[in-house]
Amino acid sequence: MKKTFKLNIENKHPDRLLEAIKHEIRKYIKREKRKNLPEGVDFWDLKCKFAKNDETPKEVDFNDITDCINEAAKEKCDSFYMEILSTEGIKKIEEVEITEESDENSNSSEDETEVSLEKE
């Protein structure tokens, strides 16, 4: 989705217009996430860009989309540009090292369990 949204339309209340824009963006995101994943892909990663009025678009985090829209509305911008592109995302698996302290803690909890069973 690459679209310029107008925030000032005659005969429309600005709050209702803002909610309609957010609804349209949420609907697009849901539609993109429903698409079938190709083999070897874990999820759809959404790349987002945002710009107020005639500024150059800057990358924003997916979670900050509504914050950017609200900020543009508070600043009474005439329009804003929103670009949302879905890309293939692959989860990164991090290896976790087990330290000796972790082993000692897990052994002590097992000992406590054995002690509590003996008392009963």
C-alpha atoms as a PDB file:
ATOM      1  CA  MET A   1       0.000   0.000   0.000  1.00  0.00           C
ATOM      2  CA  LYS A   2       1.411   3.334  -1.053  1.00  0.00           C
ATOM      3  CA  LYS A   3      -1.130   6.031  -0.430  1.00  0.00           C
ATOM      4  CA  THR A   4      -1.484   9.687   0.471  1.00  0.00           C
ATOM      5  CA  PHE A   5      -4.309  10.333   2.914  1.00  0.00           C
ATOM      6  CA  LYS A   6      -5.955  13.753   3.200  1.00  0.00           C
ATOM      7  CA  LEU A   7      -6.831  14.862   6.722  1.00  0.00           C
ATOM      8  CA  ASN A   8      -8.880  17.924   5.736  1.00  0.00           C
ATOM      9  CA  ILE A   9     -11.863  17.046   3.577  1.00  0.00           C
ATOM     10  CA  GLU A  10     -14.773  19.407   3.334  1.00  0.00           C
ATOM     11  CA  ASN A  11     -18.061  18.218   4.920  1.00  0.00           C
ATOM     12  CA  LYS A  12     -16.335  15.496   6.960  1.00  0.00           C
ATOM     13  CA  HIS A  13     -15.583  15.698  10.652  1.00  0.00           C
ATOM     14  CA  PRO A  14     -11.781  15.383  11.220  1.00  0.00           C
ATOM     15  CA  ASP A  15     -12.181  12.791  13.999  1.00  0.00           C
ATOM     16  CA  ARG A  16     -14.408  10.532  11.870  1.00  0.00           C
ATOM     17  CA  LEU A  17     -12.037  10.907   8.937  1.00  0.00           C
ATOM     18  CA  LEU A  18      -9.065   9.969  11.120  1.00  0.00           C
ATOM     19  CA  GLU A  19     -10.842   6.846  12.377  1.00  0.00           C
ATOM     20  CA  ALA A  20     -11.797   5.875   8.815  1.00  0.00           C
ATOM     21  CA  ILE A  21      -8.151   6.172   7.732  1.00  0.00           C
ATOM     22  CA  LYS A  22      -6.950   4.027  10.642  1.00  0.00           C
ATOM     23  CA  HIS A  23      -9.653   1.459   9.838  1.00  0.00           C
ATOM     24  CA  GLU A  24      -8.532   1.294   6.201  1.00  0.00           C
ATOM     25  CA  ILE A  25      -4.899   0.757   7.249  1.00  0.00           C
ATOM     26  CA  ARG A  26      -5.837  -1.950   9.778  1.00  0.00           C
ATOM     27  CA  LYS A  27      -7.967  -3.680   7.152  1.00  0.00           C
ATOM     28  CA  TYR A  28      -5.036  -3.684   4.712  1.00  0.00           C
ATOM     29  CA  ILE A  29      -2.692  -5.101   7.355  1.00  0.00           C
ATOM     30  CA  LYS A  30      -5.133  -7.905   8.212  1.00  0.00           C
ATOM     31  CA  ARG A  31      -5.525  -8.727   4.511  1.00  0.00           C
ATOM     32  CA  GLU A  32      -1.752  -8.908   4.030  1.00  0.00           C
ATOM     33  CA  LYS A  33      -1.256 -11.129   7.080  1.00  0.00           C
ATOM     34  CA  ARG A  34      -3.955 -13.554   5.847  1.00  0.00           C
ATOM     35  CA  LYS A  35      -2.056 -14.313   2.636  1.00  0.00           C
ATOM     36  CA  ASN A  36      -0.537 -17.769   2.365  1.00  0.00           C
ATOM     37  CA  LEU A  37       3.130 -17.995   3.324  1.00  0.00           C
ATOM     38  CA  PRO A  38       5.643 -19.369   0.811  1.00  0.00           C
ATOM     39  CA  GLU A  39       7.755 -22.335   1.869  1.00  0.00           C
ATOM     40  CA  GLY A  40      10.575 -21.480   4.260  1.00  0.00           C
ATOM     41  CA  VAL A  41       8.931 -18.259   5.435  1.00  0.00           C
ATOM     42  CA  ASP A  42       7.757 -17.886   9.047  1.00  0.00           C
ATOM     43  CA  PHE A  43       5.717 -14.665   8.882  1.00  0.00           C
ATOM     44  CA  TRP A  44       4.945 -11.547   6.860  1.00  0.00           C
ATOM     45  CA  ASP A  45       7.241  -8.715   7.902  1.00  0.00           C
ATOM     46  CA  LEU A  46       5.694  -5.298   7.287  1.00  0.00           C
ATOM     47  CA  LYS A  47       8.050  -2.491   6.240  1.00  0.00           C
ATOM     48  CA  CYS A  48       6.515   0.919   6.877  1.00  0.00           C
ATOM     49  CA  LYS A  49       7.328   4.446   5.760  1.00  0.00           C
ATOM     50  CA  PHE A  50       5.580   7.629   6.840  1.00  0.00           C
ATOM     51  CA  ALA A  51       5.724  11.286   5.796  1.00  0.00           C
ATOM     52  CA  LYS A  52       3.725  14.380   6.728  1.00  0.00           C
ATOM     53  CA  ASN A  53       2.609  16.732   3.961  1.00  0.00           C
ATOM     54  CA  ASP A  54       5.428  16.878   1.365  1.00  0.00           C
ATOM     55  CA  GLU A  55       8.314  15.539   3.466  1.00  0.00           C
ATOM     56  CA  THR A  56      10.408  12.615   2.304  1.00  0.00           C
ATOM     57  CA  PRO A  57       9.156   9.296   3.721  1.00  0.00           C
ATOM     58  CA  LYS A  58      11.074   7.896   6.678  1.00  0.00           C
ATOM     59  CA  GLU A  59      11.025   4.326   7.915  1.00  0.00           C
ATOM     60  CA  VAL A  60       8.951   3.782  11.028  1.00  0.00           C
ATOM     61  CA  ASP A  61       8.409   0.752  13.195  1.00  0.00           C
ATOM     62  CA  PHE A  62       5.215  -1.168  12.499  1.00  0.00           C
ATOM     63  CA  ASN A  63       4.028  -0.584  16.079  1.00  0.00           C
ATOM     64  CA  ASP A  64       4.363   3.214  15.715  1.00  0.00           C
ATOM     65  CA  ILE A  65       1.982   3.629  12.763  1.00  0.00           C
ATOM     66  CA  THR A  66      -0.990   4.917  14.768  1.00  0.00           C
ATOM     67  CA  ASP A  67       1.268   7.191  16.825  1.00  0.00           C
ATOM     68  CA  CYS A  68       2.553   8.806  13.621  1.00  0.00           C
ATOM     69  CA  ILE A  69      -0.984   9.260  12.292  1.00  0.00           C
ATOM     70  CA  ASN A  70      -2.161  10.802  15.576  1.00  0.00           C
ATOM     71  CA  GLU A  71       0.852  13.134  15.598  1.00  0.00           C
ATOM     72  CA  ALA A  72       0.064  14.303  12.057  1.00  0.00           C
ATOM     73  CA  ALA A  73      -3.552  14.964  13.076  1.00  0.00           C
ATOM     74  CA  LYS A  74      -2.494  16.936  16.168  1.00  0.00           C
ATOM     75  CA  GLU A  75      -0.169  19.075  14.055  1.00  0.00           C
ATOM     76  CA  LYS A  76      -3.125  19.719  11.716  1.00  0.00           C
ATOM     77  CA  CYS A  77      -1.279  18.499   8.624  1.00  0.00           C
ATOM     78  CA  ASP A  78      -3.200  18.633   5.352  1.00  0.00           C
ATOM     79  CA  SER A  79      -2.154  15.116   4.380  1.00  0.00           C
ATOM     80  CA  PHE A  80       0.262  12.302   5.108  1.00  0.00           C
ATOM     81  CA  TYR A  81       1.877   9.531   3.096  1.00  0.00           C
ATOM     82  CA  MET A  82       1.803   5.934   4.309  1.00  0.00           C
ATOM     83  CA  GLU A  83       3.669   3.080   2.692  1.00  0.00           C
ATOM     84  CA  ILE A  84       3.263  -0.476   3.985  1.00  0.00           C
ATOM     85  CA  LEU A  85       4.977  -3.298   2.119  1.00  0.00           C
ATOM     86  CA  SER A  86       4.891  -6.920   3.186  1.00  0.00           C
ATOM     87  CA  THR A  87       8.142  -8.843   2.929  1.00  0.00           C
ATOM     88  CA  GLU A  88       9.046 -12.389   3.796  1.00  0.00           C
ATOM     89  CA  GLY A  89      10.171 -12.749   7.389  1.00  0.00           C
ATOM     90  CA  ILE A  90      12.236 -15.548   8.852  1.00  0.00           C
ATOM     91  CA  LYS A  91      12.569 -15.987  12.599  1.00  0.00           C
ATOM     92  CA  LYS A  92      16.093 -15.769  13.935  1.00  0.00           C
ATOM     93  CA  ILE A  93      16.941 -18.541  16.363  1.00  0.00           C
ATOM     94  CA  GLU A  94      19.349 -17.536  19.092  1.00  0.00           C
ATOM     95  CA  GLU A  95      21.433 -20.157  20.827  1.00  0.00           C
ATOM     96  CA  VAL A  96      21.297 -19.989  24.598  1.00  0.00           C
ATOM     97  CA  GLU A  97      24.316 -21.115  26.578  1.00  0.00           C
ATOM     98  CA  ILE A  98      23.686 -23.019  29.783  1.00  0.00           C
ATOM     99  CA  THR A  99      25.858 -21.820  32.640  1.00  0.00           C
ATOM    100  CA  GLU A 100      26.818 -23.769  35.738  1.00  0.00           C
ATOM    101  CA  GLU A 101      24.734 -21.458  37.928  1.00  0.00           C
ATOM    102  CA  SER A 102      21.616 -22.425  35.984  1.00  0.00           C
ATOM    103  CA  ASP A 103      22.405 -26.107  36.518  1.00  0.00           C
ATOM    104  CA  GLU A 104      22.932 -25.596  40.252  1.00  0.00           C
ATOM    105  CA  ASN A 105      19.634 -23.732  40.587  1.00  0.00           C
ATOM    106  CA  SER A 106      17.726 -26.437  38.751  1.00  0.00           C
ATOM    107  CA  ASN A 107      19.325 -29.153  40.926  1.00  0.00           C
ATOM    108  CA  SER A 108      18.440 -27.324  44.126  1.00  0.00           C
ATOM    109  CA  SER A 109      14.790 -27.068  43.102  1.00  0.00           C
ATOM    110  CA  GLU A 110      14.782 -30.823  42.452  1.00  0.00           C
ATOM    111  CA  ASP A 111      16.228 -31.423  45.939  1.00  0.00           C
ATOM    112  CA  GLU A 112      13.515 -29.242  47.464  1.00  0.00           C
ATOM    113  CA  THR A 113      10.881 -31.235  45.613  1.00  0.00           C
ATOM    114  CA  GLU A 114      12.312 -34.503  46.939  1.00  0.00           C
ATOM    115  CA  VAL A 115      12.378 -33.143  50.490  1.00  0.00           C
ATOM    116  CA  SER A 116       8.773 -32.019  50.338  1.00  0.00           C
ATOM    117  CA  LEU A 117       7.733 -35.463  49.092  1.00  0.00           C
ATOM    118  CA  GLU A 118       9.516 -37.201  51.965  1.00  0.00           C
ATOM    119  CA  LYS A 119       7.651 -35.130  54.572  1.00  0.00           C
ATOM    120  CA  GLU A 120       4.242 -36.148  53.270  1.00  0.00           C
END
